Amino acid sequence: MPARVYSSMQMLRPKAFPRILGSRTPAFLYPKLRTSSTLDKPPEGHPPQNPSRPPPEAPPQEAQNLRSNTAPSSYLGTAKRLPEFNLTDKVVLVSGAARGLGLTQAEALLEAGATVYALDRLPEPSPDFYRVQQRAADELGNTFHYRQIDVRDVQGLNKVVEEIGDDRGRLDGLIAAAGIQQETPALEYTAKDANMMFEVNITGVFMTAQAVAKQMIRFGNGGSIAIIASMSAHAANRGLICPAYNASKAGVMQLAKNLASEWGVYGIRVNTISPGYIVTAMVEELFRLYPERRTEWPAQNMLGKLSKPEEYRGAAVFLLSDASSFMTGSDIRMDGGHVSW
């Protein structure tokens, strides 16, 4: 006897379920709607409502506290656009901001409303610094300052940061972008060069963050610290021989997590940004020495191109503003998908 074949609809429909023919729908599928006259009547067995009875008392404070996490956002209905990105009245430091990525991010913070101090070891910042400084005064209504300091000079660093805090009465943020790079095979690296790399890229970052955190704690307003790491903290770069640099960037990623775990109680958040290859003046000099990298490096990521410093502006403002208020101990990797292959 041939097996009986059922369609999927036949198998899903119980025998007791009535067919729906035409526009006739079984009554049990839709309960009878209550009319306005029905709604005015109390249910059977219940006394009528007393319209003169006072409204119920407000719930106890404990209940209100439990519900507070479902309260509508304070940003709802605001006339401003994305106010959580606003840095007006904030004081922010950017180390390594005499030029390059640090300077570009400093300008973004100025556009968001912050007062910004650039810290760098150069006696004079780049010409671009003065362009940004003039723009801050003429167009943005805030100020951009320069302080010469080497992050290895811990005593001088603490003095500069404390003076800024005394002058402004607050300190709200830091982007630690100061760092150095050296391309040397591991078998040829000297202890002196390795120690120099770690002293600037790890210890210098650590001491800068520490100096800023002390002022944040002194003023009691919390704050946000963003450390520039690298995609090289996540993987070894093919064709780029820089073992100490890569180790230093992996080190600051782990450092940031530990600082976040210790300083969260003070309302201080600590995160990192891991950029991919950025076309800067120094990278252009590398391309002059190694012209093949101009084509090889873009081919190593999913977008097939190299990044520009301005592509990291938004990440800087995001991490230092309330837009990232629940983010700490984390890393933003912006490498065109280089490490995701």
C-alpha atoms as a PDB file:
ATOM      1  CA  MET A   1       0.000   0.000   0.000  1.00  0.00           C
ATOM      2  CA  PRO A   2       1.569   3.325  -1.009  1.00  0.00           C
ATOM      3  CA  ALA A   3       2.557   5.691   1.774  1.00  0.00           C
ATOM      4  CA  ARG A   4       0.208   8.584   2.222  1.00  0.00           C
ATOM      5  CA  VAL A   5       1.760  11.965   1.454  1.00  0.00           C
ATOM      6  CA  TYR A   6       0.690  15.016   3.433  1.00  0.00           C
ATOM      7  CA  SER A   7       1.333  18.619   2.552  1.00  0.00           C
ATOM      8  CA  SER A   8       2.933  20.829   5.188  1.00  0.00           C
ATOM      9  CA  MET A   9      -0.365  22.625   5.726  1.00  0.00           C
ATOM     10  CA  GLN A  10      -2.205  19.350   6.231  1.00  0.00           C
ATOM     11  CA  MET A  11       0.291  18.215   8.809  1.00  0.00           C
ATOM     12  CA  LEU A  12       0.167  21.490  10.723  1.00  0.00           C
ATOM     13  CA  ARG A  13      -3.636  21.795  10.803  1.00  0.00           C
ATOM     14  CA  PRO A  14      -5.230  19.853  13.692  1.00  0.00           C
ATOM     15  CA  LYS A  15      -8.337  17.910  12.816  1.00  0.00           C
ATOM     16  CA  ALA A  16     -10.398  19.840  15.333  1.00  0.00           C
ATOM     17  CA  PHE A  17      -9.386  23.212  13.915  1.00  0.00           C
ATOM     18  CA  PRO A  18     -12.267  24.545  11.759  1.00  0.00           C
ATOM     19  CA  ARG A  19     -11.667  25.701   8.212  1.00  0.00           C
ATOM     20  CA  ILE A  20     -12.062  29.394   7.499  1.00  0.00           C
ATOM     21  CA  LEU A  21     -14.348  29.669   4.498  1.00  0.00           C
ATOM     22  CA  GLY A  22     -14.692  32.918   2.615  1.00  0.00           C
ATOM     23  CA  SER A  23     -15.058  35.853   4.951  1.00  0.00           C
ATOM     24  CA  ARG A  24     -16.654  33.819   7.749  1.00  0.00           C
ATOM     25  CA  THR A  25     -14.314  33.719  10.719  1.00  0.00           C
ATOM     26  CA  PRO A  26     -15.074  31.431  13.691  1.00  0.00           C
ATOM     27  CA  ALA A  27     -16.325  33.481  16.611  1.00  0.00           C
ATOM     28  CA  PHE A  28     -13.921  31.904  19.071  1.00  0.00           C
ATOM     29  CA  LEU A  29     -10.952  33.472  17.241  1.00  0.00           C
ATOM     30  CA  TYR A  30     -12.016  37.027  18.153  1.00  0.00           C
ATOM     31  CA  PRO A  31     -13.596  37.659  21.571  1.00  0.00           C
ATOM     32  CA  LYS A  32     -16.583  39.934  21.521  1.00  0.00           C
ATOM     33  CA  LEU A  33     -15.450  43.553  21.598  1.00  0.00           C
ATOM     34  CA  ARG A  34     -16.696  45.605  24.497  1.00  0.00           C
ATOM     35  CA  THR A  35     -18.639  48.682  23.459  1.00  0.00           C
ATOM     36  CA  SER A  36     -18.334  52.027  25.206  1.00  0.00           C
ATOM     37  CA  SER A  37     -21.473  51.259  27.208  1.00  0.00           C
ATOM     38  CA  THR A  38     -19.933  47.975  28.293  1.00  0.00           C
ATOM     39  CA  LEU A  39     -16.749  49.716  29.349  1.00  0.00           C
ATOM     40  CA  ASP A  40     -18.707  52.092  31.550  1.00  0.00           C
ATOM     41  CA  LYS A  41     -20.181  49.206  33.538  1.00  0.00           C
ATOM     42  CA  PRO A  42     -18.203  47.507  36.317  1.00  0.00           C
ATOM     43  CA  PRO A  43     -17.578  43.777  35.940  1.00  0.00           C
ATOM     44  CA  GLU A  44     -20.128  41.499  37.487  1.00  0.00           C
ATOM     45  CA  GLY A  45     -19.581  40.868  41.156  1.00  0.00           C
ATOM     46  CA  HIS A  46     -17.595  44.125  41.666  1.00  0.00           C
ATOM     47  CA  PRO A  47     -18.995  47.272  43.250  1.00  0.00           C
ATOM     48  CA  PRO A  48     -19.065  50.419  41.107  1.00  0.00           C
ATOM     49  CA  GLN A  49     -16.055  52.716  41.274  1.00  0.00           C
ATOM     50  CA  ASN A  50     -16.334  55.716  43.593  1.00  0.00           C
ATOM     51  CA  PRO A  51     -15.425  58.794  41.511  1.00  0.00           C
ATOM     52  CA  SER A  52     -14.871  60.833  44.672  1.00  0.00           C
ATOM     53  CA  ARG A  53     -12.126  58.496  45.964  1.00  0.00           C
ATOM     54  CA  PRO A  54      -8.690  60.213  45.976  1.00  0.00           C
ATOM     55  CA  PRO A  55      -6.024  58.976  43.584  1.00  0.00           C
ATOM     56  CA  PRO A  56      -3.659  56.289  44.866  1.00  0.00           C
ATOM     57  CA  GLU A  57      -0.581  57.416  46.747  1.00  0.00           C
ATOM     58  CA  ALA A  58       2.757  57.638  44.948  1.00  0.00           C
ATOM     59  CA  PRO A  59       4.792  54.419  45.074  1.00  0.00           C
ATOM     60  CA  PRO A  60       7.434  54.213  47.796  1.00  0.00           C
ATOM     61  CA  GLN A  61      10.920  55.503  47.008  1.00  0.00           C
ATOM     62  CA  GLU A  62      12.308  51.961  46.699  1.00  0.00           C
ATOM     63  CA  ALA A  63       9.901  51.192  43.879  1.00  0.00           C
ATOM     64  CA  GLN A  64      10.745  54.437  42.135  1.00  0.00           C
ATOM     65  CA  ASN A  65      14.424  53.604  42.376  1.00  0.00           C
ATOM     66  CA  LEU A  66      13.840  50.204  40.823  1.00  0.00           C
ATOM     67  CA  ARG A  67      12.023  51.821  37.925  1.00  0.00           C
ATOM     68  CA  SER A  68      14.619  54.549  37.397  1.00  0.00           C
ATOM     69  CA  ASN A  69      16.554  52.457  34.876  1.00  0.00           C
ATOM     70  CA  THR A  70      13.524  52.532  32.573  1.00  0.00           C
ATOM     71  CA  ALA A  71      13.046  56.292  32.774  1.00  0.00           C
ATOM     72  CA  PRO A  72      13.144  58.061  29.419  1.00  0.00           C
ATOM     73  CA  SER A  73      16.521  59.425  28.343  1.00  0.00           C
ATOM     74  CA  SER A  74      17.333  62.969  29.407  1.00  0.00           C
ATOM     75  CA  TYR A  75      18.190  63.599  25.751  1.00  0.00           C
ATOM     76  CA  LEU A  76      14.650  62.828  24.548  1.00  0.00           C
ATOM     77  CA  GLY A  77      12.947  65.880  23.156  1.00  0.00           C
ATOM     78  CA  THR A  78      16.064  68.014  23.266  1.00  0.00           C
ATOM     79  CA  ALA A  79      16.336  70.788  20.706  1.00  0.00           C
ATOM     80  CA  LYS A  80      20.056  70.168  20.314  1.00  0.00           C
ATOM     81  CA  ARG A  81      21.504  67.638  17.914  1.00  0.00           C
ATOM     82  CA  LEU A  82      23.530  64.815  19.483  1.00  0.00           C
ATOM     83  CA  PRO A  83      24.249  66.755  22.700  1.00  0.00           C
ATOM     84  CA  GLU A  84      26.070  63.757  24.167  1.00  0.00           C
ATOM     85  CA  PHE A  85      28.972  64.559  21.823  1.00  0.00           C
ATOM     86  CA  ASN A  86      29.226  68.128  23.118  1.00  0.00           C
ATOM     87  CA  LEU A  87      32.501  68.928  24.920  1.00  0.00           C
ATOM     88  CA  THR A  88      31.756  72.561  25.764  1.00  0.00           C
ATOM     89  CA  ASP A  89      33.409  73.641  29.044  1.00  0.00           C
ATOM     90  CA  LYS A  90      35.569  70.501  29.079  1.00  0.00           C
ATOM     91  CA  VAL A  91      39.358  70.729  29.436  1.00  0.00           C
ATOM     92  CA  VAL A  92      41.265  68.069  27.486  1.00  0.00           C
ATOM     93  CA  LEU A  93      44.964  67.256  27.092  1.00  0.00           C
ATOM     94  CA  VAL A  94      46.432  65.622  23.983  1.00  0.00           C
ATOM     95  CA  SER A  95      49.998  64.334  24.194  1.00  0.00           C
ATOM     96  CA  GLY A  96      51.952  64.156  20.947  1.00  0.00           C
ATOM     97  CA  ALA A  97      49.738  66.853  19.424  1.00  0.00           C
ATOM     98  CA  ALA A  98      52.397  69.070  17.857  1.00  0.00           C
ATOM     99  CA  ARG A  99      51.651  67.375  14.529  1.00  0.00           C
ATOM    100  CA  GLY A 100      50.151  64.279  12.902  1.00  0.00           C
ATOM    101  CA  LEU A 101      47.329  62.233  14.366  1.00  0.00           C
ATOM    102  CA  GLY A 102      47.432  63.966  17.752  1.00  0.00           C
ATOM    103  CA  LEU A 103      46.989  67.396  16.172  1.00  0.00           C
ATOM    104  CA  THR A 104      44.140  66.198  13.962  1.00  0.00           C
ATOM    105  CA  GLN A 105      42.292  64.747  16.929  1.00  0.00           C
ATOM    106  CA  ALA A 106      42.942  67.895  18.961  1.00  0.00           C
ATOM    107  CA  GLU A 107      41.219  69.946  16.259  1.00  0.00           C
ATOM    108  CA  ALA A 108      38.191  67.634  16.396  1.00  0.00           C
ATOM    109  CA  LEU A 109      37.959  68.134  20.160  1.00  0.00           C
ATOM    110  CA  LEU A 110      38.112  71.896  19.655  1.00  0.00           C
ATOM    111  CA  GLU A 111      35.256  71.664  17.146  1.00  0.00           C
ATOM    112  CA  ALA A 112      33.240  69.746  19.753  1.00  0.00           C
ATOM    113  CA  GLY A 113      33.712  72.657  22.162  1.00  0.00           C
ATOM    114  CA  ALA A 114      36.628  71.621  24.393  1.00  0.00           C
ATOM    115  CA  THR A 115      39.524  73.740  25.582  1.00  0.00           C
ATOM    116  CA  VAL A 116      42.584  71.762  24.483  1.00  0.00           C
ATOM    117  CA  TYR A 117      46.200  71.634  25.610  1.00  0.00           C
ATOM    118  CA  ALA A 118      48.760  70.014  23.328  1.00  0.00           C
ATOM    119  CA  LEU A 119      51.716  68.364  25.086  1.00  0.00           C
ATOM    120  CA  ASP A 120      54.791  67.491  23.038  1.00  0.00           C
ATOM    121  CA  ARG A 121      58.572  67.306  23.374  1.00  0.00           C
ATOM    122  CA  LEU A 122      59.221  69.476  20.304  1.00  0.00           C
ATOM    123  CA  PRO A 123      60.467  72.997  21.158  1.00  0.00           C
ATOM    124  CA  GLU A 124      58.029  74.372  18.573  1.00  0.00           C
ATOM    125  CA  PRO A 125      54.921  72.684  17.134  1.00  0.00           C
ATOM    126  CA  SER A 126      54.393  72.270  13.410  1.00  0.00           C
ATOM    127  CA  PRO A 127      53.026  75.152  11.308  1.00  0.00           C
ATOM    128  CA  ASP A 128      49.680  73.338  11.189  1.00  0.00           C
ATOM    129  CA  PHE A 129      49.387  73.773  14.948  1.00  0.00           C
ATOM    130  CA  TYR A 130      49.253  77.551  14.588  1.00  0.00           C
ATOM    131  CA  ARG A 131      46.609  77.256  11.884  1.00  0.00           C
ATOM    132  CA  VAL A 132      44.428  75.210  14.228  1.00  0.00           C
ATOM    133  CA  GLN A 133      45.149  77.573  17.126  1.00  0.00           C
ATOM    134  CA  GLN A 134      44.039  80.573  15.051  1.00  0.00           C
ATOM    135  CA  ARG A 135      40.929  78.755  13.892  1.00  0.00           C
ATOM    136  CA  ALA A 136      40.006  77.940  17.484  1.00  0.00           C
ATOM    137  CA  ALA A 137      40.165  81.617  18.404  1.00  0.00           C
ATOM    138  CA  ASP A 138      38.480  83.021  15.288  1.00  0.00           C
ATOM    139  CA  GLU A 139      35.867  80.410  14.410  1.00  0.00           C
ATOM    140  CA  LEU A 140      35.289  78.053  17.324  1.00  0.00           C
ATOM    141  CA  GLY A 141      35.264  80.411  20.307  1.00  0.00           C
ATOM    142  CA  ASN A 142      37.700  78.401  22.417  1.00  0.00           C
ATOM    143  CA  THR A 143      41.443  78.108  22.951  1.00  0.00           C
ATOM    144  CA  PHE A 144      44.267  75.791  21.919  1.00  0.00           C
ATOM    145  CA  HIS A 145      47.467  75.819  23.997  1.00  0.00           C
ATOM    146  CA  TYR A 146      50.920  74.300  23.683  1.00  0.00           C
ATOM    147  CA  ARG A 147      53.123  72.981  26.481  1.00  0.00           C
ATOM    148  CA  GLN A 148      56.560  71.548  25.741  1.00  0.00           C
ATOM    149  CA  ILE A 149      57.168  68.455  27.838  1.00  0.00           C
ATOM    150  CA  ASP A 150      58.797  65.079  27.312  1.00  0.00           C
ATOM    151  CA  VAL A 151      56.613  62.294  28.727  1.00  0.00           C
ATOM    152  CA  ARG A 152      59.769  60.692  30.165  1.00  0.00           C
ATOM    153  CA  ASP A 153      60.200  63.717  32.469  1.00  0.00           C
ATOM    154  CA  VAL A 154      57.731  62.519  35.091  1.00  0.00           C
ATOM    155  CA  GLN A 155      58.327  65.350  37.544  1.00  0.00           C
ATOM    156  CA  GLY A 156      57.949  68.003  34.861  1.00  0.00           C
ATOM    157  CA  LEU A 157      54.931  66.217  33.419  1.00  0.00           C
ATOM    158  CA  ASN A 158      53.114  66.213  36.748  1.00  0.00           C
ATOM    159  CA  LYS A 159      53.927  69.880  37.252  1.00  0.00           C
ATOM    160  CA  VAL A 160      52.540  70.894  33.839  1.00  0.00           C
ATOM    161  CA  VAL A 161      49.342  68.870  34.281  1.00  0.00           C
ATOM    162  CA  GLU A 162      48.775  70.209  37.794  1.00  0.00           C
ATOM    163  CA  GLU A 163      49.283  73.785  36.613  1.00  0.00           C
ATOM    164  CA  ILE A 164      46.678  73.287  33.903  1.00  0.00           C
ATOM    165  CA  GLY A 165      44.271  71.937  36.506  1.00  0.00           C
ATOM    166  CA  ASP A 166      44.930  74.890  38.816  1.00  0.00           C
ATOM    167  CA  ASP A 167      44.421  77.351  35.979  1.00  0.00           C
ATOM    168  CA  ARG A 168      41.181  75.822  34.692  1.00  0.00           C
ATOM    169  CA  GLY A 169      39.744  74.390  37.888  1.00  0.00           C
ATOM    170  CA  ARG A 170      39.057  71.068  36.216  1.00  0.00           C
ATOM    171  CA  LEU A 171      40.488  68.399  33.926  1.00  0.00           C
ATOM    172  CA  ASP A 172      38.147  66.197  31.934  1.00  0.00           C
ATOM    173  CA  GLY A 173      40.031  64.213  29.332  1.00  0.00           C
ATOM    174  CA  LEU A 174      43.254  62.942  27.812  1.00  0.00           C
ATOM    175  CA  ILE A 175      44.254  61.513  24.473  1.00  0.00           C
ATOM    176  CA  ALA A 176      47.661  59.871  24.890  1.00  0.00           C
ATOM    177  CA  ALA A 177      49.039  59.960  21.359  1.00  0.00           C
ATOM    178  CA  ALA A 178      52.742  60.479  22.068  1.00  0.00           C
ATOM    179  CA  GLY A 179      54.827  57.611  20.749  1.00  0.00           C
ATOM    180  CA  ILE A 180      57.868  56.637  18.700  1.00  0.00           C
ATOM    181  CA  GLN A 181      58.549  53.989  16.074  1.00  0.00           C
ATOM    182  CA  GLN A 182      61.696  52.111  15.065  1.00  0.00           C
ATOM    183  CA  GLU A 183      62.032  49.520  12.357  1.00  0.00           C
ATOM    184  CA  THR A 184      64.809  47.096  13.339  1.00  0.00           C
ATOM    185  CA  PRO A 185      65.018  43.284  13.145  1.00  0.00           C
ATOM    186  CA  ALA A 186      64.783  41.582  16.517  1.00  0.00           C
ATOM    187  CA  LEU A 187      68.282  40.073  16.202  1.00  0.00           C
ATOM    188  CA  GLU A 188      69.754  43.537  15.762  1.00  0.00           C
ATOM    189  CA  TYR A 189      67.792  45.409  18.425  1.00  0.00           C
ATOM    190  CA  THR A 190      69.898  46.856  21.248  1.00  0.00           C
ATOM    191  CA  ALA A 191      68.748  47.003  24.835  1.00  0.00           C
ATOM    192  CA  LYS A 192      69.141  50.774  24.736  1.00  0.00           C
ATOM    193  CA  ASP A 193      66.808  51.131  21.756  1.00  0.00           C
ATOM    194  CA  ALA A 194      64.275  48.695  23.218  1.00  0.00           C
ATOM    195  CA  ASN A 195      64.255  50.491  26.567  1.00  0.00           C
ATOM    196  CA  MET A 196      63.790  53.826  24.796  1.00  0.00           C
ATOM    197  CA  MET A 197      60.791  52.421  22.919  1.00  0.00           C
ATOM    198  CA  PHE A 198      59.166  51.078  26.075  1.00  0.00           C
ATOM    199  CA  GLU A 199      60.007  54.191  28.094  1.00  0.00           C
ATOM    200  CA  VAL A 200      58.148  56.461  25.689  1.00  0.00           C
ATOM    201  CA  ASN A 201      55.364  54.196  24.424  1.00  0.00           C
ATOM    202  CA  ILE A 202      54.432  52.444  27.683  1.00  0.00           C
ATOM    203  CA  THR A 203      55.937  54.190  30.702  1.00  0.00           C
ATOM    204  CA  GLY A 204      55.387  57.637  29.195  1.00  0.00           C
ATOM    205  CA  VAL A 205      51.755  56.827  28.442  1.00  0.00           C
ATOM    206  CA  PHE A 206      51.334  55.355  31.938  1.00  0.00           C
ATOM    207  CA  MET A 207      52.770  58.419  33.661  1.00  0.00           C
ATOM    208  CA  THR A 208      50.732  60.818  31.512  1.00  0.00           C
ATOM    209  CA  ALA A 209      47.516  58.963  32.327  1.00  0.00           C
ATOM    210  CA  GLN A 210      48.478  58.872  36.002  1.00  0.00           C
ATOM    211  CA  ALA A 211      49.163  62.626  36.124  1.00  0.00           C
ATOM    212  CA  VAL A 212      45.805  63.381  34.497  1.00  0.00           C
ATOM    213  CA  ALA A 213      43.893  60.898  36.680  1.00  0.00           C
ATOM    214  CA  LYS A 214      45.261  62.550  39.834  1.00  0.00           C
ATOM    215  CA  GLN A 215      43.752  65.852  38.739  1.00  0.00           C
ATOM    216  CA  MET A 216      40.465  64.241  37.762  1.00  0.00           C
ATOM    217  CA  ILE A 217      40.235  62.688  41.206  1.00  0.00           C
ATOM    218  CA  ARG A 218      41.175  66.002  42.838  1.00  0.00           C
ATOM    219  CA  PHE A 219      38.279  67.798  41.136  1.00  0.00           C
ATOM    220  CA  GLY A 220      35.863  64.897  41.555  1.00  0.00           C
ATOM    221  CA  ASN A 221      34.229  65.157  38.126  1.00  0.00           C
ATOM    222  CA  GLY A 222      35.520  61.906  36.635  1.00  0.00           C
ATOM    223  CA  GLY A 223      36.716  61.952  33.050  1.00  0.00           C
ATOM    224  CA  SER A 224      37.798  59.941  30.050  1.00  0.00           C
ATOM    225  CA  ILE A 225      41.225  58.794  28.863  1.00  0.00           C
ATOM    226  CA  ALA A 226      41.869  57.466  25.354  1.00  0.00           C
ATOM    227  CA  ILE A 227      45.215  55.856  24.556  1.00  0.00           C
ATOM    228  CA  ILE A 228      46.428  55.437  20.989  1.00  0.00           C
ATOM    229  CA  ALA A 229      47.366  51.785  20.548  1.00  0.00           C
ATOM    230  CA  SER A 230      47.665  50.165  17.102  1.00  0.00           C
ATOM    231  CA  MET A 231      46.455  47.298  14.968  1.00  0.00           C
ATOM    232  CA  SER A 232      50.042  46.123  15.591  1.00  0.00           C
ATOM    233  CA  ALA A 233      48.900  45.340  19.134  1.00  0.00           C
ATOM    234  CA  HIS A 234      46.660  42.650  17.636  1.00  0.00           C
ATOM    235  CA  ALA A 235      48.979  41.057  15.076  1.00  0.00           C
ATOM    236  CA  ALA A 236      52.510  41.115  13.716  1.00  0.00           C
ATOM    237  CA  ASN A 237      52.767  43.301  10.619  1.00  0.00           C
ATOM    238  CA  ARG A 238      53.761  41.417   7.488  1.00  0.00           C
ATOM    239  CA  GLY A 239      56.806  43.069   5.957  1.00  0.00           C
ATOM    240  CA  LEU A 240      57.198  45.648   8.735  1.00  0.00           C
ATOM    241  CA  ILE A 241      59.916  44.624  11.206  1.00  0.00           C
ATOM    242  CA  CYS A 242      59.180  46.458  14.468  1.00  0.00           C
ATOM    243  CA  PRO A 243      59.043  43.949  17.374  1.00  0.00           C
ATOM    244  CA  ALA A 244      59.539  46.469  20.184  1.00  0.00           C
ATOM    245  CA  TYR A 245      56.934  48.871  18.806  1.00  0.00           C
ATOM    246  CA  ASN A 246      54.337  46.124  18.426  1.00  0.00           C
ATOM    247  CA  ALA A 247      55.039  44.881  21.944  1.00  0.00           C
ATOM    248  CA  SER A 248      54.691  48.415  23.321  1.00  0.00           C
ATOM    249  CA  LYS A 249      51.296  48.873  21.698  1.00  0.00           C
ATOM    250  CA  ALA A 250      50.074  45.531  23.026  1.00  0.00           C
ATOM    251  CA  GLY A 251      51.341  46.713  26.404  1.00  0.00           C
ATOM    252  CA  VAL A 252      49.263  49.902  26.424  1.00  0.00           C
ATOM    253  CA  MET A 253      46.145  47.930  25.548  1.00  0.00           C
ATOM    254  CA  GLN A 254      46.622  45.787  28.642  1.00  0.00           C
ATOM    255  CA  LEU A 255      47.590  48.881  30.644  1.00  0.00           C
ATOM    256  CA  ALA A 256      44.329  50.589  29.681  1.00  0.00           C
ATOM    257  CA  LYS A 257      42.265  47.653  30.944  1.00  0.00           C
ATOM    258  CA  ASN A 258      44.028  47.727  34.289  1.00  0.00           C
ATOM    259  CA  LEU A 259      43.693  51.493  34.673  1.00  0.00           C
ATOM    260  CA  ALA A 260      40.003  51.200  33.796  1.00  0.00           C
ATOM    261  CA  SER A 261      39.517  48.552  36.479  1.00  0.00           C
ATOM    262  CA  GLU A 262      41.192  50.693  39.154  1.00  0.00           C
ATOM    263  CA  TRP A 263      39.833  54.115  38.258  1.00  0.00           C
ATOM    264  CA  GLY A 264      36.239  53.271  37.430  1.00  0.00           C
ATOM    265  CA  VAL A 265      35.298  53.977  41.053  1.00  0.00           C
ATOM    266  CA  TYR A 266      36.300  57.604  40.449  1.00  0.00           C
ATOM    267  CA  GLY A 267      34.181  57.871  37.319  1.00  0.00           C
ATOM    268  CA  ILE A 268      37.251  57.721  35.085  1.00  0.00           C
ATOM    269  CA  ARG A 269      36.961  55.696  31.871  1.00  0.00           C
ATOM    270  CA  VAL A 270      39.995  54.368  30.000  1.00  0.00           C
ATOM    271  CA  ASN A 271      39.877  53.012  26.451  1.00  0.00           C
ATOM    272  CA  THR A 272      42.191  52.578  23.464  1.00  0.00           C
ATOM    273  CA  ILE A 273      42.068  53.256  19.729  1.00  0.00           C
ATOM    274  CA  SER A 274      43.916  50.886  17.399  1.00  0.00           C
ATOM    275  CA  PRO A 275      44.513  52.581  14.044  1.00  0.00           C
ATOM    276  CA  GLY A 276      45.690  50.871  10.900  1.00  0.00           C
ATOM    277  CA  TYR A 277      48.274  52.313   8.538  1.00  0.00           C
ATOM    278  CA  ILE A 278      47.934  56.121   8.448  1.00  0.00           C
ATOM    279  CA  VAL A 279      49.424  58.277   5.711  1.00  0.00           C
ATOM    280  CA  THR A 280      51.440  60.910   7.593  1.00  0.00           C
ATOM    281  CA  ALA A 281      54.606  62.817   6.758  1.00  0.00           C
ATOM    282  CA  MET A 282      56.662  60.063   8.417  1.00  0.00           C
ATOM    283  CA  VAL A 283      54.911  57.350   6.410  1.00  0.00           C
ATOM    284  CA  GLU A 284      55.485  59.301   3.214  1.00  0.00           C
ATOM    285  CA  GLU A 285      59.197  59.259   4.058  1.00  0.00           C
ATOM    286  CA  LEU A 286      58.990  55.478   4.479  1.00  0.00           C
ATOM    287  CA  PHE A 287      57.390  55.208   1.046  1.00  0.00           C
ATOM    288  CA  ARG A 288      60.318  57.110  -0.378  1.00  0.00           C
ATOM    289  CA  LEU A 289      62.703  54.547   1.108  1.00  0.00           C
ATOM    290  CA  TYR A 290      60.460  51.536   0.416  1.00  0.00           C
ATOM    291  CA  PRO A 291      58.274  52.443  -2.597  1.00  0.00           C
ATOM    292  CA  GLU A 292      56.774  48.934  -2.791  1.00  0.00           C
ATOM    293  CA  ARG A 293      54.883  49.565   0.452  1.00  0.00           C
ATOM    294  CA  ARG A 294      52.711  52.183  -1.205  1.00  0.00           C
ATOM    295  CA  THR A 295      50.950  49.384  -3.097  1.00  0.00           C
ATOM    296  CA  GLU A 296      51.509  46.450  -0.723  1.00  0.00           C
ATOM    297  CA  TRP A 297      50.018  48.009   2.399  1.00  0.00           C
ATOM    298  CA  PRO A 298      46.615  48.945   0.925  1.00  0.00           C
ATOM    299  CA  ALA A 299      46.271  45.422  -0.483  1.00  0.00           C
ATOM    300  CA  GLN A 300      46.585  43.966   3.031  1.00  0.00           C
ATOM    301  CA  ASN A 301      43.232  45.263   4.289  1.00  0.00           C
ATOM    302  CA  MET A 302      39.635  44.739   3.242  1.00  0.00           C
ATOM    303  CA  LEU A 303      39.072  48.275   1.971  1.00  0.00           C
ATOM    304  CA  GLY A 304      42.151  48.280  -0.246  1.00  0.00           C
ATOM    305  CA  LYS A 305      43.345  51.693   0.885  1.00  0.00           C
ATOM    306  CA  LEU A 306      45.347  53.482   3.577  1.00  0.00           C
ATOM    307  CA  SER A 307      43.758  55.732   6.180  1.00  0.00           C
ATOM    308  CA  LYS A 308      44.122  59.453   6.748  1.00  0.00           C
ATOM    309  CA  PRO A 309      44.508  61.129  10.177  1.00  0.00           C
ATOM    310  CA  GLU A 310      41.101  62.811   9.842  1.00  0.00           C
ATOM    311  CA  GLU A 311      39.378  59.421   9.733  1.00  0.00           C
ATOM    312  CA  TYR A 312      40.051  59.074  13.477  1.00  0.00           C
ATOM    313  CA  ARG A 313      38.499  62.389  14.494  1.00  0.00           C
ATOM    314  CA  GLY A 314      35.121  60.897  15.332  1.00  0.00           C
ATOM    315  CA  ALA A 315      36.627  58.172  17.505  1.00  0.00           C
ATOM    316  CA  ALA A 316      38.420  60.801  19.599  1.00  0.00           C
ATOM    317  CA  VAL A 317      35.270  62.840  20.217  1.00  0.00           C
ATOM    318  CA  PHE A 318      33.225  59.690  20.871  1.00  0.00           C
ATOM    319  CA  LEU A 319      35.593  58.354  23.534  1.00  0.00           C
ATOM    320  CA  LEU A 320      36.041  61.666  25.345  1.00  0.00           C
ATOM    321  CA  SER A 321      32.354  62.599  25.354  1.00  0.00           C
ATOM    322  CA  ASP A 322      29.258  61.271  27.068  1.00  0.00           C
ATOM    323  CA  ALA A 323      28.459  59.378  23.865  1.00  0.00           C
ATOM    324  CA  SER A 324      30.666  56.586  25.267  1.00  0.00           C
ATOM    325  CA  SER A 325      29.627  56.989  28.907  1.00  0.00           C
ATOM    326  CA  PHE A 326      29.187  53.211  29.441  1.00  0.00           C
ATOM    327  CA  MET A 327      32.401  52.206  27.672  1.00  0.00           C
ATOM    328  CA  THR A 328      35.642  51.493  29.500  1.00  0.00           C
ATOM    329  CA  GLY A 329      38.443  48.943  29.303  1.00  0.00           C
ATOM    330  CA  SER A 330      37.719  48.536  25.592  1.00  0.00           C
ATOM    331  CA  ASP A 331      39.503  49.003  22.279  1.00  0.00           C
ATOM    332  CA  ILE A 332      38.247  50.569  19.044  1.00  0.00           C
ATOM    333  CA  ARG A 333      40.142  48.908  16.203  1.00  0.00           C
ATOM    334  CA  MET A 334      40.005  50.963  12.996  1.00  0.00           C
ATOM    335  CA  ASP A 335      42.262  49.142  10.543  1.00  0.00           C
ATOM    336  CA  GLY A 336      40.192  48.691   7.397  1.00  0.00           C
ATOM    337  CA  GLY A 337      39.737  45.054   8.353  1.00  0.00           C
ATOM    338  CA  HIS A 338      43.487  44.372   8.224  1.00  0.00           C
ATOM    339  CA  VAL A 339      43.450  42.015  11.234  1.00  0.00           C
ATOM    340  CA  SER A 340      40.114  40.420  10.322  1.00  0.00           C
ATOM    341  CA  TRP A 341      41.326  38.436   7.299  1.00  0.00           C
END
